[in-house]
């Protein structure tokens, strides 16, 4: 997928890469947080020892930060998007994804008014062309 960044997003990426030395593949700015997608294998580098990089980024940007590790496999990538929840399985059929999570995590995975699911769908669409996504 071809992802284009505006000037504001490029500043976030430059700051993130300069501070963490991790390579960014994507950046999505939301009202309440900024989501960075890092190259596979760079998640530990991005977070830093004892989450030091994550804490610095939160302090500097004054927003919550979410870091997702990219994967060449679409199902693994979607599991990484939902890393805060206990994902049992991801089923991909055509351009549709079904994410199966532990029943206790279903509401949190979907989010208030479906916010988390919409963001996950947007990220999966940007990287793999996923058109629809449901959480069960």
Protein backbone atom coordinates (compact mmCIF):
# COMPACT_ATOMS: atom_id res chain seq x y z
CA UNK A 1 0.00 0.00 0.00
CA UNK A 2 1.10 3.55 -0.72
CA UNK A 3 0.97 5.63 2.45
CA UNK A 4 1.41 9.40 2.26
CA UNK A 5 2.29 11.62 5.23
CA UNK A 6 1.60 15.30 5.84
CA UNK A 7 4.16 17.68 7.37
CA UNK A 8 2.86 17.17 10.91
CA UNK A 9 3.09 13.39 10.64
CA UNK A 10 6.61 13.64 9.20
CA UNK A 11 7.67 15.68 12.26
CA UNK A 12 6.30 12.96 14.56
CA UNK A 13 8.16 10.27 12.60
CA UNK A 14 11.43 12.24 12.63
CA UNK A 15 11.16 12.82 16.39
CA UNK A 16 10.28 9.16 17.04
CA UNK A 17 13.13 7.78 14.92
CA UNK A 18 15.63 10.25 16.37
CA UNK A 19 14.69 9.40 19.94
CA UNK A 20 14.31 5.63 19.59
CA UNK A 21 16.53 4.69 16.62
CA UNK A 22 13.65 2.45 15.49
CA UNK A 23 12.43 2.62 11.89
CA UNK A 24 8.83 3.80 11.39
CA UNK A 25 6.65 2.37 8.61
CA UNK A 26 3.48 4.31 9.46
CA UNK A 27 2.14 6.95 11.81
CA UNK A 28 -1.48 7.74 12.56
CA UNK A 29 -2.48 10.76 14.63
CA UNK A 30 -5.76 10.58 16.52
CA UNK A 31 -7.28 13.07 18.96
CA UNK A 32 -6.21 11.14 22.04
CA UNK A 33 -3.09 9.30 20.85
CA UNK A 34 -0.47 8.78 18.18
CA UNK A 35 0.07 5.31 16.75
CA UNK A 36 3.43 4.34 15.28
CA UNK A 37 3.94 1.18 13.21
CA UNK A 38 7.58 0.12 13.43
CA UNK A 39 9.57 -2.24 11.26
CA UNK A 40 9.54 -5.89 12.32
CA UNK A 41 12.16 -6.47 15.02
CA UNK A 42 12.24 -2.82 16.14
CA UNK A 43 9.54 -2.95 18.83
CA UNK A 44 11.97 -3.42 21.73
CA UNK A 45 14.18 -0.64 20.42
CA UNK A 46 11.16 1.65 20.07
CA UNK A 47 9.89 1.03 23.60
CA UNK A 48 13.34 1.12 25.19
CA UNK A 49 14.65 -0.46 28.35
CA UNK A 50 12.08 -0.06 31.16
CA UNK A 51 9.86 1.80 28.62
CA UNK A 52 12.16 4.83 28.79
CA UNK A 53 11.60 5.81 25.12
CA UNK A 54 7.84 5.42 25.41
CA UNK A 55 7.79 7.63 28.52
CA UNK A 56 9.92 10.31 26.82
CA UNK A 57 7.65 10.35 23.78
CA UNK A 58 4.54 10.69 25.94
CA UNK A 59 6.15 13.58 27.80
CA UNK A 60 7.39 15.42 24.69
CA UNK A 61 4.26 14.93 22.57
CA UNK A 62 1.76 15.30 25.45
CA UNK A 63 -0.28 12.42 24.03
CA UNK A 64 -0.62 8.71 24.62
CA UNK A 65 1.58 6.65 22.33
CA UNK A 66 0.81 3.23 20.88
CA UNK A 67 3.52 1.25 19.10
CA UNK A 68 2.67 -1.65 16.78
CA UNK A 69 5.21 -3.99 15.24
CA UNK A 70 4.73 -4.59 11.52
CA UNK A 71 4.61 -8.12 10.14
CA UNK A 72 4.78 -9.51 6.61
CA UNK A 73 1.90 -11.83 7.51
CA UNK A 74 -1.47 -10.06 7.62
CA UNK A 75 -2.87 -12.23 10.45
CA UNK A 76 0.22 -11.65 12.60
CA UNK A 77 0.04 -7.93 11.86
CA UNK A 78 -3.60 -7.80 12.99
CA UNK A 79 -2.65 -9.70 16.17
CA UNK A 80 0.00 -7.04 16.75
CA UNK A 81 -2.60 -4.29 16.31
CA UNK A 82 -4.67 -5.94 19.06
CA UNK A 83 -1.61 -6.61 21.26
CA UNK A 84 -3.32 -5.17 24.36
CA UNK A 85 -6.01 -7.87 24.25
CA UNK A 86 -5.84 -11.65 24.43
CA UNK A 87 -6.22 -12.63 20.77
CA UNK A 88 -7.14 -16.28 20.24
CA UNK A 89 -7.14 -16.26 16.44
CA UNK A 90 -7.34 -14.06 13.36
CA UNK A 91 -9.21 -15.38 10.32
CA UNK A 92 -8.62 -13.69 6.96
CA UNK A 93 -11.03 -14.32 4.09
CA UNK A 94 -10.48 -12.24 0.98
CA UNK A 95 -10.19 -8.65 2.30
CA UNK A 96 -12.14 -9.33 5.49
CA UNK A 97 -10.73 -10.09 8.93
CA UNK A 98 -12.33 -11.71 11.96
CA UNK A 99 -10.46 -11.22 15.21
CA UNK A 100 -11.36 -13.71 17.92
CA UNK A 101 -10.47 -12.50 21.41
CA UNK A 102 -11.06 -13.77 24.93
CA UNK A 103 -14.69 -13.00 25.86
CA UNK A 104 -13.56 -10.71 28.71
CA UNK A 105 -11.56 -8.58 26.24
CA UNK A 106 -14.20 -8.25 23.53
CA UNK A 107 -15.67 -4.95 24.73
CA UNK A 108 -12.25 -3.37 25.24
CA UNK A 109 -11.04 -4.60 21.82
CA UNK A 110 -14.03 -2.99 20.12
CA UNK A 111 -13.77 0.17 22.22
CA UNK A 112 -16.27 2.84 23.13
CA UNK A 113 -18.58 3.41 20.16
CA UNK A 114 -16.35 1.05 18.14
CA UNK A 115 -13.36 3.42 18.20
CA UNK A 116 -10.63 0.77 18.68
CA UNK A 117 -12.09 -1.41 15.94
CA UNK A 118 -12.30 1.53 13.50
CA UNK A 119 -8.67 2.46 14.17
CA UNK A 120 -7.55 -1.18 13.77
CA UNK A 121 -9.46 -1.45 10.50
CA UNK A 122 -7.86 1.79 9.23
CA UNK A 123 -4.34 0.54 10.01
CA UNK A 124 -4.99 -2.90 8.48
CA UNK A 125 -6.49 -1.24 5.40
CA UNK A 126 -3.48 1.05 4.97
CA UNK A 127 -1.07 -1.89 5.00
CA UNK A 128 -3.01 -4.85 3.61
CA UNK A 129 -6.19 -3.52 2.01
CA UNK A 130 -8.48 -5.05 4.67
CA UNK A 131 -12.00 -3.77 3.94
CA UNK A 132 -13.91 -5.01 6.95
CA UNK A 133 -13.03 -6.28 10.39
CA UNK A 134 -15.12 -7.78 13.16
CA UNK A 135 -14.25 -8.80 16.70
CA UNK A 136 -15.82 -11.94 18.14
